[in-house]
């Protein structure tokens, strides 16, 4: 993976309970990752995972990453059912 880019991707979503979804993925190591604007911790290898509360019905989750240098951006979206 390009260390200077953002390169975010969603690898999986799992319903973990009523109204909760776990979403995980990868980004370039050192990137700043957000899900629907909220910061997400990223591991040194670029993997990340977060559990979110979602409302009933469809919810669009948008994952965005900005490279450590701020020069590259990437985003991906997925729709989940709460």
N, C-alpha and C. Protein backbone atom coordinates (compact mmCIF):
# COMPACT_ATOMS: atom_id res chain seq x y z
N UNK A 1 0.84 -1.18 0.00
CA UNK A 1 0.00 0.00 0.00
C UNK A 1 0.88 1.24 0.00
N UNK A 2 0.48 2.27 -0.66
CA UNK A 2 1.23 3.51 -0.75
C UNK A 2 1.21 4.23 0.59
N UNK A 3 2.36 4.37 1.23
CA UNK A 3 2.45 4.99 2.55
C UNK A 3 2.04 6.46 2.52
N UNK A 4 2.17 7.15 1.39
CA UNK A 4 1.84 8.57 1.36
C UNK A 4 0.40 8.84 0.98
N UNK A 5 -0.35 7.80 0.56
CA UNK A 5 -1.73 7.99 0.16
C UNK A 5 -2.69 7.74 1.30
N UNK A 6 -3.98 7.75 0.99
CA UNK A 6 -5.00 7.50 1.99
C UNK A 6 -5.57 6.09 1.81
N UNK A 7 -6.01 5.74 0.60
CA UNK A 7 -6.43 4.40 0.23
C UNK A 7 -7.35 3.69 1.21
N UNK A 8 -8.45 4.28 1.59
CA UNK A 8 -9.35 3.65 2.56
C UNK A 8 -10.27 2.65 1.88
N UNK A 9 -10.54 1.54 2.57
CA UNK A 9 -11.51 0.57 2.06
C UNK A 9 -12.26 -0.05 3.24
N UNK A 10 -13.50 -0.43 2.97
CA UNK A 10 -14.33 -1.12 3.95
C UNK A 10 -14.21 -2.61 3.67
N UNK A 11 -13.80 -3.38 4.67
CA UNK A 11 -13.63 -4.81 4.48
C UNK A 11 -14.83 -5.61 4.96
N UNK A 12 -15.49 -5.16 6.04
CA UNK A 12 -16.64 -5.91 6.53
C UNK A 12 -17.54 -5.05 7.40
N UNK A 13 -18.79 -5.47 7.46
CA UNK A 13 -19.75 -4.92 8.43
C UNK A 13 -20.45 -6.10 9.07
N UNK A 14 -20.69 -6.01 10.37
CA UNK A 14 -21.33 -7.08 11.12
C UNK A 14 -22.33 -6.45 12.06
N UNK A 15 -23.56 -6.96 12.08
CA UNK A 15 -24.54 -6.52 13.05
C UNK A 15 -24.20 -7.19 14.37
N UNK A 16 -23.93 -6.39 15.41
CA UNK A 16 -23.50 -6.94 16.68
C UNK A 16 -24.58 -6.88 17.75
N UNK A 17 -25.68 -6.25 17.45
CA UNK A 17 -26.78 -6.16 18.39
C UNK A 17 -27.85 -5.27 17.81
N UNK A 18 -28.92 -5.14 18.52
CA UNK A 18 -30.00 -4.28 18.06
C UNK A 18 -29.50 -2.85 17.92
N UNK A 19 -29.46 -2.37 16.70
CA UNK A 19 -29.04 -0.99 16.45
C UNK A 19 -27.55 -0.76 16.50
N UNK A 20 -26.73 -1.83 16.49
CA UNK A 20 -25.29 -1.67 16.49
C UNK A 20 -24.65 -2.43 15.33
N UNK A 21 -23.66 -1.80 14.72
CA UNK A 21 -22.95 -2.38 13.59
C UNK A 21 -21.46 -2.19 13.82
N UNK A 22 -20.68 -3.23 13.55
CA UNK A 22 -19.21 -3.12 13.58
C UNK A 22 -18.75 -3.04 12.14
N UNK A 23 -17.98 -2.03 11.84
CA UNK A 23 -17.44 -1.83 10.50
C UNK A 23 -15.92 -1.83 10.62
N UNK A 24 -15.26 -2.51 9.69
CA UNK A 24 -13.80 -2.56 9.74
C UNK A 24 -13.24 -2.42 8.34
N UNK A 25 -11.98 -2.05 8.28
CA UNK A 25 -11.36 -1.87 6.98
C UNK A 25 -9.88 -1.59 7.08
N UNK A 26 -9.36 -1.04 5.99
CA UNK A 26 -7.94 -0.72 5.89
C UNK A 26 -7.77 0.67 5.30
N UNK A 27 -6.68 1.30 5.68
CA UNK A 27 -6.27 2.57 5.09
C UNK A 27 -4.75 2.55 5.07
N UNK A 28 -4.18 3.51 4.40
CA UNK A 28 -2.72 3.60 4.40
C UNK A 28 -2.24 3.85 5.82
N UNK A 29 -1.20 3.16 6.26
CA UNK A 29 -0.65 3.42 7.59
C UNK A 29 -0.37 4.90 7.79
N UNK A 30 -0.78 5.43 8.94
CA UNK A 30 -0.56 6.84 9.25
C UNK A 30 -1.69 7.75 8.81
N UNK A 31 -2.65 7.24 8.05
CA UNK A 31 -3.78 8.07 7.60
C UNK A 31 -4.68 8.41 8.78
N UNK A 32 -5.43 9.49 8.64
CA UNK A 32 -6.46 9.87 9.61
C UNK A 32 -7.79 9.39 9.05
N UNK A 33 -8.48 8.51 9.78
CA UNK A 33 -9.71 7.89 9.31
C UNK A 33 -10.89 8.40 10.13
N UNK A 34 -12.01 8.66 9.44
CA UNK A 34 -13.26 9.03 10.10
C UNK A 34 -14.39 8.19 9.53
N UNK A 35 -15.41 7.94 10.37
CA UNK A 35 -16.64 7.32 9.91
C UNK A 35 -17.75 8.31 10.23
N UNK A 36 -18.44 8.77 9.21
CA UNK A 36 -19.47 9.81 9.33
C UNK A 36 -18.95 11.00 10.13
N UNK A 37 -17.68 11.35 9.91
CA UNK A 37 -17.08 12.53 10.52
C UNK A 37 -16.43 12.30 11.87
N UNK A 38 -16.65 11.15 12.50
CA UNK A 38 -16.06 10.86 13.82
C UNK A 38 -14.73 10.13 13.64
N UNK A 39 -13.69 10.58 14.35
CA UNK A 39 -12.37 9.94 14.21
C UNK A 39 -12.39 8.48 14.65
N UNK A 40 -11.62 7.67 13.95
CA UNK A 40 -11.48 6.24 14.24
C UNK A 40 -10.01 5.95 14.44
N UNK A 41 -9.69 5.18 15.47
CA UNK A 41 -8.30 4.78 15.70
C UNK A 41 -7.84 3.82 14.62
N UNK A 42 -6.61 3.99 14.19
CA UNK A 42 -6.05 3.14 13.14
C UNK A 42 -4.79 2.47 13.69
N UNK A 43 -4.67 1.18 13.43
CA UNK A 43 -3.50 0.42 13.88
C UNK A 43 -2.30 0.72 12.98
N UNK A 44 -1.07 0.45 13.45
CA UNK A 44 0.12 0.73 12.64
C UNK A 44 0.11 0.07 11.26
N UNK A 45 -0.58 -1.07 11.13
CA UNK A 45 -0.63 -1.74 9.82
C UNK A 45 -1.72 -1.19 8.91
N UNK A 46 -2.47 -0.19 9.38
CA UNK A 46 -3.52 0.44 8.57
C UNK A 46 -4.91 -0.11 8.81
N UNK A 47 -5.06 -1.17 9.60
CA UNK A 47 -6.39 -1.71 9.87
C UNK A 47 -7.11 -0.85 10.90
N UNK A 48 -8.43 -0.85 10.83
CA UNK A 48 -9.24 -0.12 11.77
C UNK A 48 -10.56 -0.85 11.95
N UNK A 49 -11.25 -0.59 13.06
CA UNK A 49 -12.55 -1.19 13.35
C UNK A 49 -13.26 -0.32 14.36
N UNK A 50 -14.57 -0.19 14.20
CA UNK A 50 -15.35 0.62 15.12
C UNK A 50 -16.77 0.05 15.20
N UNK A 51 -17.36 0.10 16.38
CA UNK A 51 -18.76 -0.30 16.57
C UNK A 51 -19.59 0.96 16.71
N UNK A 52 -20.66 1.05 15.93
CA UNK A 52 -21.50 2.25 15.89
C UNK A 52 -22.95 1.92 16.19
N UNK A 53 -23.62 2.86 16.82
CA UNK A 53 -25.07 2.77 16.96
C UNK A 53 -25.68 3.32 15.69
N UNK A 54 -26.67 2.61 15.17
CA UNK A 54 -27.37 3.07 13.97
C UNK A 54 -28.86 3.07 14.25
N UNK A 55 -29.58 3.94 13.58
CA UNK A 55 -31.02 4.01 13.75
C UNK A 55 -31.72 2.87 13.04
N UNK A 56 -33.02 2.79 13.24
CA UNK A 56 -33.82 1.79 12.53
C UNK A 56 -33.87 2.16 11.05
N UNK A 57 -33.90 1.17 10.22
CA UNK A 57 -33.92 1.40 8.78
C UNK A 57 -32.53 1.57 8.23
N UNK A 58 -32.45 2.16 7.05
CA UNK A 58 -31.17 2.30 6.36
C UNK A 58 -30.36 3.46 6.91
N UNK A 59 -29.06 3.21 7.05
CA UNK A 59 -28.11 4.24 7.46
C UNK A 59 -26.90 4.17 6.53
N UNK A 60 -26.51 5.30 5.99
CA UNK A 60 -25.32 5.36 5.14
C UNK A 60 -24.12 5.68 6.03
N UNK A 61 -23.10 4.84 5.96
CA UNK A 61 -21.85 5.08 6.67
C UNK A 61 -20.79 5.47 5.65
N UNK A 62 -20.19 6.62 5.86
CA UNK A 62 -19.14 7.09 4.95
C UNK A 62 -17.82 7.10 5.69
N UNK A 63 -16.88 6.35 5.17
CA UNK A 63 -15.54 6.28 5.73
C UNK A 63 -14.64 7.14 4.87
N UNK A 64 -13.89 8.02 5.53
CA UNK A 64 -12.97 8.89 4.80
C UNK A 64 -11.59 8.79 5.43
N UNK A 65 -10.58 8.96 4.62
CA UNK A 65 -9.20 8.96 5.11
C UNK A 65 -8.44 10.10 4.45
N UNK A 66 -7.57 10.69 5.23
CA UNK A 66 -6.66 11.72 4.74
C UNK A 66 -5.26 11.24 5.07
N UNK A 67 -4.37 11.29 4.10
CA UNK A 67 -3.00 10.83 4.32
C UNK A 67 -2.34 11.64 5.43
N UNK A 68 -1.30 11.09 6.00
CA UNK A 68 -0.57 11.75 7.09
C UNK A 68 -0.07 13.13 6.66
N UNK A 69 0.25 13.29 5.38
CA UNK A 69 0.75 14.58 4.88
C UNK A 69 -0.38 15.53 4.49
N UNK A 70 -1.62 15.01 4.43
CA UNK A 70 -2.76 15.83 4.03
C UNK A 70 -2.89 16.00 2.53
N UNK A 71 -2.03 15.34 1.77
CA UNK A 71 -2.02 15.54 0.32
C UNK A 71 -2.93 14.57 -0.45
N UNK A 72 -3.44 13.55 0.23
CA UNK A 72 -4.26 12.55 -0.46
C UNK A 72 -5.50 12.25 0.37
N UNK A 73 -6.64 12.10 -0.32
CA UNK A 73 -7.89 11.79 0.35
C UNK A 73 -8.56 10.61 -0.36
N UNK A 74 -9.31 9.83 0.42
CA UNK A 74 -10.02 8.69 -0.13
C UNK A 74 -11.29 8.50 0.69
N UNK A 75 -12.35 8.01 0.07
CA UNK A 75 -13.57 7.73 0.82
C UNK A 75 -14.32 6.56 0.21
N UNK A 76 -15.15 5.96 1.05
CA UNK A 76 -15.97 4.83 0.64
C UNK A 76 -17.23 4.86 1.49
N UNK A 77 -18.35 4.43 0.93
CA UNK A 77 -19.61 4.43 1.67
C UNK A 77 -20.27 3.06 1.58
N UNK A 78 -21.07 2.78 2.60
CA UNK A 78 -21.85 1.54 2.63
C UNK A 78 -23.17 1.86 3.33
N UNK A 79 -24.24 1.19 2.89
CA UNK A 79 -25.54 1.34 3.54
C UNK A 79 -25.81 0.10 4.38
N UNK A 80 -26.18 0.32 5.65
CA UNK A 80 -26.50 -0.79 6.55
C UNK A 80 -27.93 -0.62 7.03
N UNK A 81 -28.50 -1.71 7.49
CA UNK A 81 -29.85 -1.68 8.04
C UNK A 81 -29.79 -1.86 9.55
N UNK A 82 -30.37 -0.90 10.28
CA UNK A 82 -30.35 -0.96 11.74
C UNK A 82 -31.59 -1.59 12.29
